[in-house]
C-alpha atoms as a PDB file:
ATOM      1  CA  MET A   1      61.012 -75.566 -54.866  1.00  0.00           C
ATOM      2  CA  ASN A   2      64.383 -74.025 -55.716  1.00  0.00           C
ATOM      3  CA  ILE A   3      66.996 -75.860 -57.792  1.00  0.00           C
ATOM      4  CA  ASP A   4      69.214 -76.756 -54.810  1.00  0.00           C
ATOM      5  CA  LYS A   5      66.315 -78.347 -52.918  1.00  0.00           C
ATOM      6  CA  LYS A   6      65.179 -80.216 -56.017  1.00  0.00           C
ATOM      7  CA  ASN A   7      68.706 -81.525 -56.598  1.00  0.00           C
ATOM      8  CA  GLU A   8      68.970 -82.714 -52.989  1.00  0.00           C
ATOM      9  CA  GLN A   9      65.545 -84.374 -53.224  1.00  0.00           C
ATOM     10  CA  ASN A  10      66.617 -86.212 -56.373  1.00  0.00           C
ATOM     11  CA  ARG A  11      69.966 -87.140 -54.848  1.00  0.00           C
ATOM     12  CA  LEU A  12      68.332 -88.769 -51.832  1.00  0.00           C
ATOM     13  CA  PHE A  13      65.883 -90.698 -53.998  1.00  0.00           C
ATOM     14  CA  LEU A  14      68.598 -91.950 -56.361  1.00  0.00           C
ATOM     15  CA  MET A  15      70.841 -92.911 -53.437  1.00  0.00           C
ATOM     16  CA  SER A  16      67.978 -94.926 -51.965  1.00  0.00           C
ATOM     17  CA  LEU A  17      67.584 -96.819 -55.243  1.00  0.00           C
ATOM     18  CA  SER A  18      71.227 -97.884 -55.068  1.00  0.00           C
ATOM     19  CA  GLN A  19      70.697 -99.534 -51.662  1.00  0.00           C
ATOM     20  CA  PRO A  20      69.518-103.149 -51.270  1.00  0.00           C
ATOM     21  CA  ILE A  21      65.974-103.251 -49.966  1.00  0.00           C
ATOM     22  CA  TYR A  22      67.059-104.910 -46.711  1.00  0.00           C
ATOM     23  CA  GLU A  23      69.481-102.090 -45.799  1.00  0.00           C
ATOM     24  CA  PRO A  24      68.154 -99.695 -43.101  1.00  0.00           C
ATOM     25  CA  LEU A  25      69.890 -96.860 -44.984  1.00  0.00           C
ATOM     26  CA  LYS A  26      67.367 -97.275 -47.810  1.00  0.00           C
ATOM     27  CA  ILE A  27      64.461 -96.531 -45.450  1.00  0.00           C
ATOM     28  CA  GLY A  28      66.339 -93.621 -43.929  1.00  0.00           C
ATOM     29  CA  LEU A  29      67.023 -91.997 -47.293  1.00  0.00           C
ATOM     30  CA  LEU A  30      63.426 -92.418 -48.437  1.00  0.00           C
ATOM     31  CA  GLU A  31      62.052 -91.001 -45.184  1.00  0.00           C
ATOM     32  CA  LYS A  32      64.378 -87.993 -45.399  1.00  0.00           C
ATOM     33  CA  ALA A  33      63.343 -87.285 -48.999  1.00  0.00           C
ATOM     34  CA  MET A  34      59.675 -87.586 -48.070  1.00  0.00           C
ATOM     35  CA  LEU A  35      59.695 -85.683 -44.762  1.00  0.00           C
ATOM     36  CA  GLU A  36      62.055 -82.860 -45.689  1.00  0.00           C
ATOM     37  CA  TYR A  37      61.247 -82.436 -49.404  1.00  0.00           C
ATOM     38  CA  ASN A  38      57.757 -83.980 -49.782  1.00  0.00           C
ATOM     39  CA  ASP A  39      59.148 -86.236 -52.534  1.00  0.00           C
ATOM     40  CA  ILE A  40      56.213 -88.260 -53.850  1.00  0.00           C
ATOM     41  CA  LEU A  41      58.298 -90.979 -55.528  1.00  0.00           C
ATOM     42  CA  SER A  42      60.200 -91.670 -52.301  1.00  0.00           C
ATOM     43  CA  ALA A  43      56.902 -91.789 -50.404  1.00  0.00           C
ATOM     44  CA  LEU A  44      55.305 -94.262 -52.823  1.00  0.00           C
ATOM     45  CA  LEU A  45      58.338 -96.543 -52.721  1.00  0.00           C
ATOM     46  CA  LEU A  46      58.477 -96.348 -48.921  1.00  0.00           C
ATOM     47  CA  ALA A  47      54.771 -97.138 -48.565  1.00  0.00           C
ATOM     48  CA  ASN A  48      55.140-100.109 -50.884  1.00  0.00           C
ATOM     49  CA  ILE A  49      57.985-101.448 -48.727  1.00  0.00           C
ATOM     50  CA  TYR A  50      55.806-101.220 -45.608  1.00  0.00           C
ATOM     51  CA  ILE A  51      52.896-102.950 -47.368  1.00  0.00           C
ATOM     52  CA  SER A  52      54.986-105.979 -48.339  1.00  0.00           C
ATOM     53  CA  GLY A  53      57.546-105.978 -45.550  1.00  0.00           C
ATOM     54  CA  VAL A  54      61.143-107.086 -46.053  1.00  0.00           C
ATOM     55  CA  GLU A  55      62.872-110.389 -45.263  1.00  0.00           C
ATOM     56  CA  HIS A  56      66.524-111.229 -45.806  1.00  0.00           C
ATOM     57  CA  ASN A  57      68.188-114.591 -45.189  1.00  0.00           C
ATOM     58  CA  GLY A  58      65.144-115.786 -43.279  1.00  0.00           C
ATOM     59  CA  LYS A  59      65.150-112.747 -40.972  1.00  0.00           C
ATOM     60  CA  VAL A  60      62.328-110.203 -40.910  1.00  0.00           C
ATOM     61  CA  ILE A  61      63.935-106.804 -41.450  1.00  0.00           C
ATOM     62  CA  ILE A  62      60.692-104.831 -41.772  1.00  0.00           C
ATOM     63  CA  PRO A  63      57.380-106.483 -40.871  1.00  0.00           C
ATOM     64  CA  PRO A  64      54.391-105.640 -43.091  1.00  0.00           C
ATOM     65  CA  ASN A  65      52.675-102.553 -41.693  1.00  0.00           C
ATOM     66  CA  ALA A  66      49.549-101.439 -43.545  1.00  0.00           C
ATOM     67  CA  GLU A  67      48.806 -98.718 -40.989  1.00  0.00           C
ATOM     68  CA  LYS A  68      52.187 -97.082 -41.609  1.00  0.00           C
ATOM     69  CA  ALA A  69      51.696 -97.268 -45.380  1.00  0.00           C
ATOM     70  CA  PHE A  70      48.239 -95.718 -44.963  1.00  0.00           C
ATOM     71  CA  ASP A  71      49.732 -92.850 -42.942  1.00  0.00           C
ATOM     72  CA  ILE A  72      52.277 -92.192 -45.707  1.00  0.00           C
ATOM     73  CA  TYR A  73      49.584 -92.080 -48.403  1.00  0.00           C
ATOM     74  CA  SER A  74      47.433 -89.789 -46.228  1.00  0.00           C
ATOM     75  CA  ARG A  75      50.306 -87.380 -45.620  1.00  0.00           C
ATOM     76  CA  MET A  76      51.335 -87.222 -49.274  1.00  0.00           C
ATOM     77  CA  CYS A  77      47.965 -86.662 -50.988  1.00  0.00           C
ATOM     78  CA  GLU A  78      48.519 -82.913 -51.363  1.00  0.00           C
ATOM     79  CA  TYR A  79      51.927 -83.488 -52.981  1.00  0.00           C
ATOM     80  CA  ASP A  80      50.714 -86.228 -55.338  1.00  0.00           C
ATOM     81  CA  PRO A  81      49.680 -84.784 -58.724  1.00  0.00           C
ATOM     82  CA  PHE A  82      48.748 -88.208 -60.113  1.00  0.00           C
ATOM     83  CA  GLY A  83      46.094 -89.465 -57.679  1.00  0.00           C
ATOM     84  CA  VAL A  84      47.997 -92.596 -56.648  1.00  0.00           C
ATOM     85  CA  CYS A  85      47.825 -91.838 -52.915  1.00  0.00           C
ATOM     86  CA  GLU A  86      44.066 -91.220 -52.958  1.00  0.00           C
ATOM     87  CA  TRP A  87      43.470 -94.449 -54.874  1.00  0.00           C
ATOM     88  CA  GLU A  88      45.566 -96.414 -52.395  1.00  0.00           C
ATOM     89  CA  LEU A  89      43.559 -94.951 -49.493  1.00  0.00           C
ATOM     90  CA  GLY A  90      40.353 -96.038 -51.221  1.00  0.00           C
ATOM     91  CA  TRP A  91      41.791 -99.513 -51.818  1.00  0.00           C
ATOM     92  CA  PHE A  92      42.727 -99.827 -48.119  1.00  0.00           C
ATOM     93  CA  TYR A  93      39.148 -99.033 -47.119  1.00  0.00           C
ATOM     94  CA  GLU A  94      37.518-101.204 -49.779  1.00  0.00           C
ATOM     95  CA  ASN A  95      39.572-104.235 -48.752  1.00  0.00           C
ATOM     96  CA  LYS A  96      39.575-103.667 -44.963  1.00  0.00           C
ATOM     97  CA  LEU A  97      43.363-103.403 -44.753  1.00  0.00           C
ATOM     98  CA  ILE A  98      43.461-100.996 -41.785  1.00  0.00           C
ATOM     99  CA  SER A  99      41.823-101.014 -38.365  1.00  0.00           C
ATOM    100  CA  ASP A 100      39.563 -98.031 -39.108  1.00  0.00           C
ATOM    101  CA  ALA A 101      38.094 -99.833 -42.120  1.00  0.00           C
ATOM    102  CA  VAL A 102      37.453-102.952 -40.053  1.00  0.00           C
ATOM    103  CA  SER A 103      35.558-100.922 -37.461  1.00  0.00           C
ATOM    104  CA  LEU A 104      33.127 -99.464 -40.025  1.00  0.00           C
ATOM    105  CA  SER A 105      29.978-101.027 -41.431  1.00  0.00           C
ATOM    106  CA  CYS A 106      30.238-102.339 -44.992  1.00  0.00           C
ATOM    107  CA  GLU A 107      28.242 -99.392 -46.349  1.00  0.00           C
ATOM    108  CA  GLU A 108      30.312 -96.790 -44.473  1.00  0.00           C
ATOM    109  CA  ARG A 109      33.564 -98.425 -45.505  1.00  0.00           C
ATOM    110  CA  LEU A 110      32.657 -98.552 -49.195  1.00  0.00           C
ATOM    111  CA  LYS A 111      31.388 -94.962 -49.161  1.00  0.00           C
ATOM    112  CA  LYS A 112      34.715 -93.887 -47.737  1.00  0.00           C
ATOM    113  CA  ALA A 113      36.541 -95.887 -50.422  1.00  0.00           C
ATOM    114  CA  LYS A 114      34.440 -94.236 -53.123  1.00  0.00           C
ATOM    115  CA  HIS A 115      35.254 -90.795 -51.708  1.00  0.00           C
ATOM    116  CA  TYR A 116      38.959 -91.450 -52.218  1.00  0.00           C
ATOM    117  CA  TYR A 117      38.417 -92.991 -55.654  1.00  0.00           C
ATOM    118  CA  ASP A 118      36.521 -89.849 -56.683  1.00  0.00           C
ATOM    119  CA  GLU A 119      39.422 -87.672 -55.522  1.00  0.00           C
ATOM    120  CA  SER A 120      41.911 -89.865 -57.372  1.00  0.00           C
ATOM    121  CA  ALA A 121      39.827 -89.771 -60.556  1.00  0.00           C
ATOM    122  CA  GLN A 122      39.795 -85.961 -60.409  1.00  0.00           C
ATOM    123  CA  LYS A 123      43.566 -86.151 -60.822  1.00  0.00           C
ATOM    124  CA  GLY A 124      43.148 -88.511 -63.786  1.00  0.00           C
ATOM    125  CA  TYR A 125      44.421 -91.771 -62.273  1.00  0.00           C
ATOM    126  CA  ALA A 126      43.386 -94.727 -64.446  1.00  0.00           C
ATOM    127  CA  LYS A 127      42.873 -97.192 -61.583  1.00  0.00           C
ATOM    128  CA  ALA A 128      40.427 -94.809 -59.940  1.00  0.00           C
ATOM    129  CA  PHE A 129      38.154 -94.810 -63.000  1.00  0.00           C
ATOM    130  CA  ASN A 130      38.294 -98.608 -63.056  1.00  0.00           C
ATOM    131  CA  SER A 131      37.377 -98.779 -59.363  1.00  0.00           C
ATOM    132  CA  LEU A 132      34.468 -96.356 -59.857  1.00  0.00           C
ATOM    133  CA  GLY A 133      33.323 -98.533 -62.749  1.00  0.00           C
ATOM    134  CA  LYS A 134      33.239-101.520 -60.426  1.00  0.00           C
ATOM    135  CA  PHE A 135      31.193 -99.558 -57.875  1.00  0.00           C
ATOM    136  CA  SER A 136      28.631 -98.693 -60.580  1.00  0.00           C
ATOM    137  CA  HIS A 137      28.735-102.203 -62.032  1.00  0.00           C
ATOM    138  CA  TYR A 138      27.779-103.879 -58.762  1.00  0.00           C
ATOM    139  CA  GLY A 139      25.969-101.021 -57.003  1.00  0.00           C
ATOM    140  CA  MET A 140      28.519-100.580 -54.196  1.00  0.00           C
ATOM    141  CA  GLY A 141      29.072 -97.773 -51.700  1.00  0.00           C
ATOM    142  CA  GLY A 142      25.670 -96.177 -52.151  1.00  0.00           C
ATOM    143  CA  VAL A 143      26.104 -96.010 -55.931  1.00  0.00           C
ATOM    144  CA  LYS A 144      23.141 -96.990 -58.086  1.00  0.00           C
ATOM    145  CA  LYS A 145      23.843-100.110 -60.138  1.00  0.00           C
ATOM    146  CA  SER A 146      24.265 -99.045 -63.757  1.00  0.00           C
ATOM    147  CA  TYR A 147      25.766-100.875 -66.736  1.00  0.00           C
ATOM    148  CA  MET A 148      26.036 -97.619 -68.679  1.00  0.00           C
ATOM    149  CA  ASP A 149      27.856 -95.755 -65.900  1.00  0.00           C
ATOM    150  CA  ALA A 150      30.158 -98.722 -65.290  1.00  0.00           C
ATOM    151  CA  MET A 151      31.127 -98.872 -68.958  1.00  0.00           C
ATOM    152  CA  MET A 152      31.694 -95.119 -69.020  1.00  0.00           C
ATOM    153  CA  TYR A 153      34.240 -95.426 -66.199  1.00  0.00           C
ATOM    154  CA  TYR A 154      35.814 -98.619 -67.574  1.00  0.00           C
ATOM    155  CA  ILE A 155      36.245 -97.047 -71.014  1.00  0.00           C
ATOM    156  CA  GLU A 156      37.881 -93.964 -69.504  1.00  0.00           C
ATOM    157  CA  ALA A 157      40.343 -96.147 -67.577  1.00  0.00           C
ATOM    158  CA  ALA A 158      40.948 -98.317 -70.642  1.00  0.00           C
ATOM    159  CA  LYS A 159      41.816 -95.219 -72.689  1.00  0.00           C
ATOM    160  CA  LEU A 160      44.455 -94.459 -70.058  1.00  0.00           C
ATOM    161  CA  GLY A 161      45.930 -97.940 -70.564  1.00  0.00           C
ATOM    162  CA  ASP A 162      44.656 -99.800 -67.483  1.00  0.00           C
ATOM    163  CA  ILE A 163      44.690-103.517 -68.398  1.00  0.00           C
ATOM    164  CA  TYR A 164      42.091-104.404 -65.756  1.00  0.00           C
ATOM    165  CA  ALA A 165      39.739-101.809 -67.181  1.00  0.00           C
ATOM    166  CA  ILE A 166      40.266-103.181 -70.687  1.00  0.00           C
ATOM    167  CA  MET A 167      39.300-106.607 -69.361  1.00  0.00           C
ATOM    168  CA  ASN A 168      36.318-105.183 -67.469  1.00  0.00           C
ATOM    169  CA  CYS A 169      35.051-103.548 -70.667  1.00  0.00           C
ATOM    170  CA  GLY A 170      35.198-106.913 -72.388  1.00  0.00           C
ATOM    171  CA  LEU A 171      33.665-108.864 -69.507  1.00  0.00           C
ATOM    172  CA  THR A 172      30.842-106.357 -69.096  1.00  0.00           C
ATOM    173  CA  SER A 173      30.071-106.591 -72.815  1.00  0.00           C
ATOM    174  CA  MET A 174      30.055-110.390 -72.481  1.00  0.00           C
ATOM    175  CA  GLU A 175      27.549-110.117 -69.617  1.00  0.00           C
ATOM    176  CA  GLN A 176      25.295-108.104 -71.883  1.00  0.00           C
ATOM    177  CA  TYR A 177      25.696-110.662 -74.664  1.00  0.00           C
ATOM    178  CA  TYR A 178      24.744-113.532 -72.342  1.00  0.00           C
ATOM    179  CA  THR A 179      21.530-111.696 -71.411  1.00  0.00           C
ATOM    180  CA  ASP A 180      20.641-111.378 -75.125  1.00  0.00           C
ATOM    181  CA  THR A 181      22.583-113.836 -77.288  1.00  0.00           C
ATOM    182  CA  SER A 182      20.772-112.623 -80.398  1.00  0.00           C
ATOM    183  CA  ASN A 183      22.646-109.318 -80.117  1.00  0.00           C
ATOM    184  CA  LYS A 184      26.046-110.106 -81.635  1.00  0.00           C
ATOM    185  CA  GLU A 185      27.203-106.488 -81.293  1.00  0.00           C
ATOM    186  CA  TYR A 186      28.025-107.115 -77.644  1.00  0.00           C
ATOM    187  CA  LEU A 187      30.061-110.183 -78.626  1.00  0.00           C
ATOM    188  CA  GLU A 188      32.025-108.252 -81.250  1.00  0.00           C
ATOM    189  CA  GLU A 189      32.575-105.407 -78.798  1.00  0.00           C
ATOM    190  CA  ALA A 190      33.879-107.823 -76.166  1.00  0.00           C
ATOM    191  CA  GLU A 191      36.197-109.465 -78.681  1.00  0.00           C
ATOM    192  CA  GLN A 192      37.830-106.139 -79.530  1.00  0.00           C
ATOM    193  CA  TYR A 193      38.601-105.464 -75.882  1.00  0.00           C
ATOM    194  CA  PHE A 194      39.977-108.963 -75.318  1.00  0.00           C
ATOM    195  CA  LEU A 195      42.200-108.582 -78.384  1.00  0.00           C
ATOM    196  CA  LYS A 196      43.641-105.450 -76.765  1.00  0.00           C
ATOM    197  CA  ALA A 197      44.177-107.379 -73.521  1.00  0.00           C
ATOM    198  CA  ALA A 198      45.880-110.173 -75.469  1.00  0.00           C
ATOM    199  CA  LEU A 199      48.475-107.648 -76.661  1.00  0.00           C
ATOM    200  CA  TYR A 200      49.526-107.502 -72.991  1.00  0.00           C
ATOM    201  CA  ASN A 201      49.554-111.341 -72.943  1.00  0.00           C
ATOM    202  CA  ASN A 202      46.717-111.221 -70.410  1.00  0.00           C
ATOM    203  CA  ASN A 203      45.669-114.765 -69.497  1.00  0.00           C
ATOM    204  CA  GLU A 204      41.987-114.097 -68.977  1.00  0.00           C
ATOM    205  CA  GLY A 205      41.847-112.114 -72.206  1.00  0.00           C
ATOM    206  CA  LEU A 206      43.319-115.073 -74.120  1.00  0.00           C
ATOM    207  CA  LEU A 207      40.876-117.437 -72.422  1.00  0.00           C
ATOM    208  CA  GLN A 208      37.898-115.243 -73.279  1.00  0.00           C
ATOM    209  CA  LEU A 209      39.012-115.042 -76.912  1.00  0.00           C
ATOM    210  CA  GLY A 210      38.944-118.829 -76.988  1.00  0.00           C
ATOM    211  CA  ILE A 211      35.413-118.809 -75.555  1.00  0.00           C
ATOM    212  CA  ILE A 212      34.250-116.208 -78.093  1.00  0.00           C
ATOM    213  CA  ASN A 213      35.621-118.271 -80.962  1.00  0.00           C
ATOM    214  CA  GLU A 214      33.774-121.325 -79.608  1.00  0.00           C
ATOM    215  CA  ILE A 215      30.566-119.270 -79.642  1.00  0.00           C
ATOM    216  CA  LYS A 216      31.245-118.235 -83.257  1.00  0.00           C
ATOM    217  CA  MET A 217      32.103-121.756 -84.453  1.00  0.00           C
ATOM    218  CA  SER A 218      28.649-122.316 -85.946  1.00  0.00           C
ATOM    219  CA  ASP A 219      29.125-119.310 -88.243  1.00  0.00           C
ATOM    220  CA  LYS A 220      32.823-119.471 -89.139  1.00  0.00           C
ATOM    221  CA  VAL A 221      34.779-122.617 -89.956  1.00  0.00           C
ATOM    222  CA  ASP A 222      38.154-121.258 -88.815  1.00  0.00           C
ATOM    223  CA  CYS A 223      36.918-120.474 -85.303  1.00  0.00           C
ATOM    224  CA  LEU A 224      37.561-124.001 -84.000  1.00  0.00           C
ATOM    225  CA  HIS A 225      41.291-123.674 -84.609  1.00  0.00           C
ATOM    226  CA  LYS A 226      41.337-120.088 -83.337  1.00  0.00           C
ATOM    227  CA  ALA A 227      39.686-121.236 -80.100  1.00  0.00           C
ATOM    228  CA  LYS A 228      42.245-124.028 -79.785  1.00  0.00           C
ATOM    229  CA  GLU A 229      45.137-121.616 -80.360  1.00  0.00           C
ATOM    230  CA  TYR A 230      43.902-119.106 -77.787  1.00  0.00           C
ATOM    231  CA  TYR A 231      43.450-121.832 -75.162  1.00  0.00           C
ATOM    232  CA  ILE A 232      46.992-123.050 -75.838  1.00  0.00           C
ATOM    233  CA  ARG A 233      48.368-119.521 -75.503  1.00  0.00           C
ATOM    234  CA  ALA A 234      46.475-119.102 -72.215  1.00  0.00           C
ATOM    235  CA  PHE A 235      47.804-122.256 -70.563  1.00  0.00           C
ATOM    236  CA  LEU A 236      51.359-121.705 -71.813  1.00  0.00           C
ATOM    237  CA  ASN A 237      51.306-118.341 -70.049  1.00  0.00           C
ATOM    238  CA  VAL A 238      51.177-117.988 -66.247  1.00  0.00           C
ATOM    239  CA  GLU A 239      49.639-120.768 -64.160  1.00  0.00           C
ATOM    240  CA  ASN A 240      46.414-119.518 -62.592  1.00  0.00           C
ATOM    241  CA  GLN A 241      42.642-120.051 -62.666  1.00  0.00           C
ATOM    242  CA  TYR A 242      42.527-118.824 -66.264  1.00  0.00           C
ATOM    243  CA  SER A 243      45.145-121.277 -67.510  1.00  0.00           C
ATOM    244  CA  ALA A 244      43.358-124.050 -65.590  1.00  0.00           C
ATOM    245  CA  THR A 245      40.084-123.099 -67.287  1.00  0.00           C
ATOM    246  CA  ALA A 246      41.864-122.963 -70.651  1.00  0.00           C
ATOM    247  CA  TYR A 247      43.016-126.584 -70.167  1.00  0.00           C
ATOM    248  CA  PHE A 248      39.494-127.545 -69.157  1.00  0.00           C
ATOM    249  CA  ARG A 249      37.813-125.888 -72.128  1.00  0.00           C
ATOM    250  CA  LEU A 250      40.389-127.302 -74.530  1.00  0.00           C
ATOM    251  CA  GLY A 251      39.621-130.767 -73.158  1.00  0.00           C
ATOM    252  CA  LYS A 252      35.912-130.241 -73.863  1.00  0.00           C
ATOM    253  CA  LEU A 253      36.769-128.874 -77.310  1.00  0.00           C
ATOM    254  CA  ILE A 254      38.728-132.052 -78.091  1.00  0.00           C
ATOM    255  CA  ASN A 255      35.886-134.244 -76.832  1.00  0.00           C
ATOM    256  CA  ASN A 256      33.357-132.432 -79.020  1.00  0.00           C
ATOM    257  CA  ASN A 257      35.536-132.240 -82.135  1.00  0.00           C
ATOM    258  CA  PRO A 258      37.133-135.579 -83.102  1.00  0.00           C
ATOM    259  CA  GLU A 259      39.489-133.891 -85.591  1.00  0.00           C
ATOM    260  CA  LEU A 260      41.438-132.548 -82.591  1.00  0.00           C
ATOM    261  CA  THR A 261      42.009-136.006 -81.100  1.00  0.00           C
ATOM    262  CA  ASP A 262      45.561-136.245 -82.476  1.00  0.00           C
ATOM    263  CA  ASP A 263      46.182-132.549 -83.156  1.00  0.00           C
ATOM    264  CA  ARG A 264      49.936-131.993 -83.481  1.00  0.00           C
ATOM    265  CA  GLU A 265      49.757-128.400 -82.173  1.00  0.00           C
ATOM    266  CA  ILE A 266      48.061-129.557 -78.970  1.00  0.00           C
ATOM    267  CA  ILE A 267      50.500-132.431 -78.519  1.00  0.00           C
ATOM    268  CA  ASP A 268      53.478-130.087 -78.919  1.00  0.00           C
ATOM    269  CA  ALA A 269      51.993-127.557 -76.498  1.00  0.00           C
ATOM    270  CA  LEU A 270      51.419-130.224 -73.849  1.00  0.00           C
ATOM    271  CA  ASN A 271      55.092-131.202 -74.233  1.00  0.00           C
ATOM    272  CA  THR A 272      54.855-134.398 -72.179  1.00  0.00           C
ATOM    273  CA  LYS A 273      51.811-136.648 -71.925  1.00  0.00           C
ATOM    274  CA  ARG A 274      50.762-139.073 -69.204  1.00  0.00           C
ATOM    275  CA  PHE A 275      47.688-140.347 -71.025  1.00  0.00           C
ATOM    276  CA  ASN A 276      46.876-141.495 -74.536  1.00  0.00           C
ATOM    277  CA  ASN A 277      43.759-139.316 -74.517  1.00  0.00           C
ATOM    278  CA  LEU A 278      44.439-135.581 -75.074  1.00  0.00           C
ATOM    279  CA  ALA A 279      41.148-134.545 -73.481  1.00  0.00           C
ATOM    280  CA  ILE A 280      41.912-136.484 -70.290  1.00  0.00           C
ATOM    281  CA  GLU A 281      45.398-134.950 -70.281  1.00  0.00           C
ATOM    282  CA  CYS A 282      43.868-131.455 -70.404  1.00  0.00           C
ATOM    283  CA  PHE A 283      41.250-132.251 -67.758  1.00  0.00           C
ATOM    284  CA  THR A 284      43.893-133.685 -65.420  1.00  0.00           C
ATOM    285  CA  ARG A 285      46.140-130.649 -65.760  1.00  0.00           C
ATOM    286  CA  ALA A 286      43.182-128.331 -65.149  1.00  0.00           C
ATOM    287  CA  TYR A 287      42.227-130.287 -62.034  1.00  0.00           C
ATOM    288  CA  GLU A 288      45.786-130.167 -60.679  1.00  0.00           C
ATOM    289  CA  ILE A 289      46.036-126.395 -61.118  1.00  0.00           C
ATOM    290  CA  PHE A 290      42.651-125.840 -59.486  1.00  0.00           C
ATOM    291  CA  GLN A 291      43.809-127.939 -56.532  1.00  0.00           C
ATOM    292  CA  THR A 292      47.041-125.954 -56.292  1.00  0.00           C
ATOM    293  CA  LEU A 293      44.954-122.769 -56.120  1.00  0.00           C
ATOM    294  CA  ASP A 294      43.069-124.293 -53.166  1.00  0.00           C
ATOM    295  CA  ILE A 295      39.571-123.638 -54.472  1.00  0.00           C
ATOM    296  CA  THR A 296      38.041-124.589 -51.122  1.00  0.00           C
ATOM    297  CA  ASN A 297      39.201-121.231 -49.743  1.00  0.00           C
ATOM    298  CA  GLY A 298      37.108-119.396 -52.312  1.00  0.00           C
ATOM    299  CA  ARG A 299      39.995-117.909 -54.255  1.00  0.00           C
ATOM    300  CA  LEU A 300      38.347-118.422 -57.628  1.00  0.00           C
ATOM    301  CA  ASP A 301      35.895-116.196 -59.459  1.00  0.00           C
ATOM    302  CA  GLY A 302      32.442-117.751 -59.533  1.00  0.00           C
ATOM    303  CA  LYS A 303      32.437-118.541 -63.242  1.00  0.00           C
ATOM    304  CA  TYR A 304      35.771-120.361 -62.961  1.00  0.00           C
ATOM    305  CA  LYS A 305      34.766-122.277 -59.852  1.00  0.00           C
ATOM    306  CA  ASP A 306      31.840-123.550 -61.966  1.00  0.00           C
ATOM    307  CA  CYS A 307      34.424-124.988 -64.377  1.00  0.00           C
ATOM    308  CA  TYR A 308      36.026-126.858 -61.494  1.00  0.00           C
ATOM    309  CA  ILE A 309      32.664-128.277 -60.398  1.00  0.00           C
ATOM    310  CA  GLU A 310      31.958-129.470 -63.950  1.00  0.00           C
ATOM    311  CA  LEU A 311      35.458-130.919 -64.137  1.00  0.00           C
ATOM    312  CA  VAL A 312      34.890-132.977 -60.980  1.00  0.00           C
ATOM    313  CA  SER A 313      31.647-134.228 -62.507  1.00  0.00           C
ATOM    314  CA  ILE A 314      33.501-135.337 -65.660  1.00  0.00           C
ATOM    315  CA  PHE A 315      36.007-137.344 -63.607  1.00  0.00           C
ATOM    316  CA  THR A 316      33.204-138.848 -61.504  1.00  0.00           C
ATOM    317  CA  ASN A 317      31.471-140.163 -64.637  1.00  0.00           C
ATOM    318  CA  ILE A 318      34.597-141.719 -66.194  1.00  0.00           C
ATOM    319  CA  ASN A 319      34.416-145.514 -65.973  1.00  0.00           C
END
């Protein structure tokens, strides 16, 4: 592309950024940059707008349109040096976001998703390696189930800075530890990955660090307070299934360790209390968050739904 064309491409993209998202001019500028100059950044931004749709003052300006976003990604693959478009196409098939994916059998759909993930990975896109790791981890899309292959992909994505891959490395190592609790190498390996995730203030990473320190409590005296601190950090972060589980596990930790009954750090973190019992306070907050997440619709990971079931049992047995 000559300098004049490149300058015009950049001008259109920058002009689009200056427009409010609800302005039709924004879409027009992005479409012009994409269609006339094959500008990948304009295309990605435009596709993202169509995925989410746009509302302004209660009026739908652009309705969500996954098919249109899919068409944009398909058109722009050859101009995308990063592999983002191919990964998005795979994601659309894996999650049945377009009509063609819905019409396919599960096996056909996942094989198609894997095809796009492979193409994305060839361009070095971190999310693609993470997705391929998941396919190996669970044996999806005609891929043989393999812990070793899954970790190979997860590690590659983690090296490229993908936070979900970092977490998947840790969670996969934890799975291996749970199958052989005498092998502490898996536990130490998982801890290192969760510490990396904690640098991003990742809620599940903080929660898992609390769990690991509970496991290590029998060997190290300082692990009780480390577990407590990680659970506090997790529930002071965003409110989700991981913060709910952090409240729940902290409540159990208090119940099992009387020295935490009046712990000042816990009291300060809770800010306001409705009960004189810190464990009950934690259990109640966990229950409320789980209810807010509407666990009956299956939005929780299995291991965290188990926490909710145990929590209900605890309340049932309180006199």
